[in-house]
């Protein structure tokens, strides 16, 4: 199966793996659509944090691919970033995930 190009936004091209549609249909048919949307939304924010950090630090996203397990973000020439900036780009995604976890605990009253 080959991935399909969905659209381009500036230099960023977004692709989708065909199995993503099968997985999405399965989740909707089994009544787990809300869980799928929540998961995909948190993964999108995680990857967006990587992308925004890369843009701010002199790199930029080249392509994004939607897969059944989430999303993959590929940066253009991330090897040319200095090690400290590259590390900051790498940490941006987990930092966003941690913020989402803290927000969910505070908003649901689990604390």
Protein backbone atom coordinates (compact mmCIF):
# COMPACT_ATOMS: atom_id res chain seq x y z
CA UNK A 1 0.00 0.00 0.00
CA UNK A 2 1.30 3.41 -0.85
CA UNK A 3 0.53 6.57 1.02
CA UNK A 4 -1.69 9.20 -0.54
CA UNK A 5 -0.97 12.91 -0.71
CA UNK A 6 -3.78 14.86 0.97
CA UNK A 7 -2.67 18.49 0.63
CA UNK A 8 0.22 20.91 0.90
CA UNK A 9 0.49 23.88 3.21
CA UNK A 10 3.47 25.98 2.20
CA UNK A 11 6.46 23.65 2.19
CA UNK A 12 4.64 21.05 4.34
CA UNK A 13 3.05 18.14 2.49
CA UNK A 14 0.52 15.97 4.33
CA UNK A 15 0.17 12.29 3.42
CA UNK A 16 -2.12 9.54 4.70
CA UNK A 17 -1.42 5.84 4.91
CA UNK A 18 -4.40 3.87 3.48
CA UNK A 19 -4.64 1.69 6.61
CA UNK A 20 -5.61 4.84 8.52
CA UNK A 21 -9.02 4.80 6.81
CA UNK A 22 -9.54 1.15 7.70
CA UNK A 23 -8.60 1.78 11.32
CA UNK A 24 -10.83 4.87 11.50
CA UNK A 25 -13.79 2.98 10.05
CA UNK A 26 -13.27 0.15 12.54
CA UNK A 27 -13.12 2.58 15.49
CA UNK A 28 -16.30 4.35 14.34
CA UNK A 29 -18.20 1.09 13.75
CA UNK A 30 -17.26 -0.29 17.16
CA UNK A 31 -18.32 2.89 18.96
CA UNK A 32 -14.85 4.14 19.77
CA UNK A 33 -14.85 7.20 17.52
CA UNK A 34 -14.55 9.69 20.40
CA UNK A 35 -11.57 7.83 21.78
CA UNK A 36 -9.93 7.81 18.35
CA UNK A 37 -10.50 11.55 17.89
CA UNK A 38 -9.11 12.31 21.35
CA UNK A 39 -6.02 10.22 20.69
CA UNK A 40 -5.43 11.71 17.25
CA UNK A 41 -5.95 15.21 18.64
CA UNK A 42 -3.34 14.73 21.35
CA UNK A 43 -0.91 13.23 18.83
CA UNK A 44 -1.53 16.18 16.50
CA UNK A 45 -0.70 18.63 19.30
CA UNK A 46 2.43 16.62 20.17
CA UNK A 47 3.65 16.75 16.55
CA UNK A 48 2.64 20.40 16.19
CA UNK A 49 4.89 21.22 19.17
CA UNK A 50 7.82 19.56 17.37
CA UNK A 51 7.00 21.52 14.20
CA UNK A 52 6.65 24.89 15.93
CA UNK A 53 9.90 24.38 17.83
CA UNK A 54 11.67 23.45 14.59
CA UNK A 55 10.33 26.54 12.83
CA UNK A 56 11.31 28.79 15.75
CA UNK A 57 14.82 27.32 15.87
CA UNK A 58 15.61 27.51 12.17
CA UNK A 59 14.34 24.23 10.80
CA UNK A 60 10.98 23.38 9.38
CA UNK A 61 8.63 20.50 8.78
CA UNK A 62 8.86 18.89 5.36
CA UNK A 63 6.08 16.33 5.49
CA UNK A 64 3.54 14.84 7.85
CA UNK A 65 2.02 11.39 7.49
CA UNK A 66 -1.18 10.21 9.15
CA UNK A 67 -0.82 6.55 10.14
CA UNK A 68 -3.11 4.13 12.00
CA UNK A 69 -1.00 4.67 15.13
CA UNK A 70 -0.81 8.44 14.91
CA UNK A 71 1.29 10.88 12.92
CA UNK A 72 4.87 11.14 11.77
CA UNK A 73 6.56 14.47 11.20
CA UNK A 74 9.67 14.69 9.05
CA UNK A 75 11.82 17.79 9.30
CA UNK A 76 13.77 19.16 6.39
CA UNK A 77 17.45 18.55 6.98
CA UNK A 78 17.24 18.20 10.76
CA UNK A 79 20.86 17.01 10.80
CA UNK A 80 22.07 20.56 10.11
CA UNK A 81 20.57 21.92 13.33
CA UNK A 82 23.10 22.37 16.15
CA UNK A 83 22.78 19.63 18.81
CA UNK A 84 21.21 21.89 21.44
CA UNK A 85 18.54 23.15 19.03
CA UNK A 86 17.85 19.65 17.79
CA UNK A 87 17.45 18.50 21.40
CA UNK A 88 14.97 21.34 22.02
CA UNK A 89 12.94 20.23 18.98
CA UNK A 90 12.98 16.66 20.25
CA UNK A 91 11.79 17.71 23.73
CA UNK A 92 8.99 19.95 22.48
CA UNK A 93 6.65 17.02 21.74
CA UNK A 94 6.99 15.29 25.13
CA UNK A 95 6.65 18.68 26.85
CA UNK A 96 3.32 19.21 25.05
CA UNK A 97 2.19 15.71 26.04
CA UNK A 98 3.07 16.44 29.66
CA UNK A 99 1.09 19.70 29.51
CA UNK A 100 -1.90 17.81 28.08
CA UNK A 101 -1.67 15.26 30.92
CA UNK A 102 -1.54 17.99 33.57
CA UNK A 103 -4.46 19.81 31.94
CA UNK A 104 -6.55 16.63 31.81
CA UNK A 105 -5.90 15.90 35.49
CA UNK A 106 -6.83 19.45 36.47
CA UNK A 107 -9.91 19.59 34.25
CA UNK A 108 -11.30 16.20 35.27
CA UNK A 109 -10.66 16.58 38.99
CA UNK A 110 -8.51 13.45 39.26
CA UNK A 111 -6.04 15.38 41.39
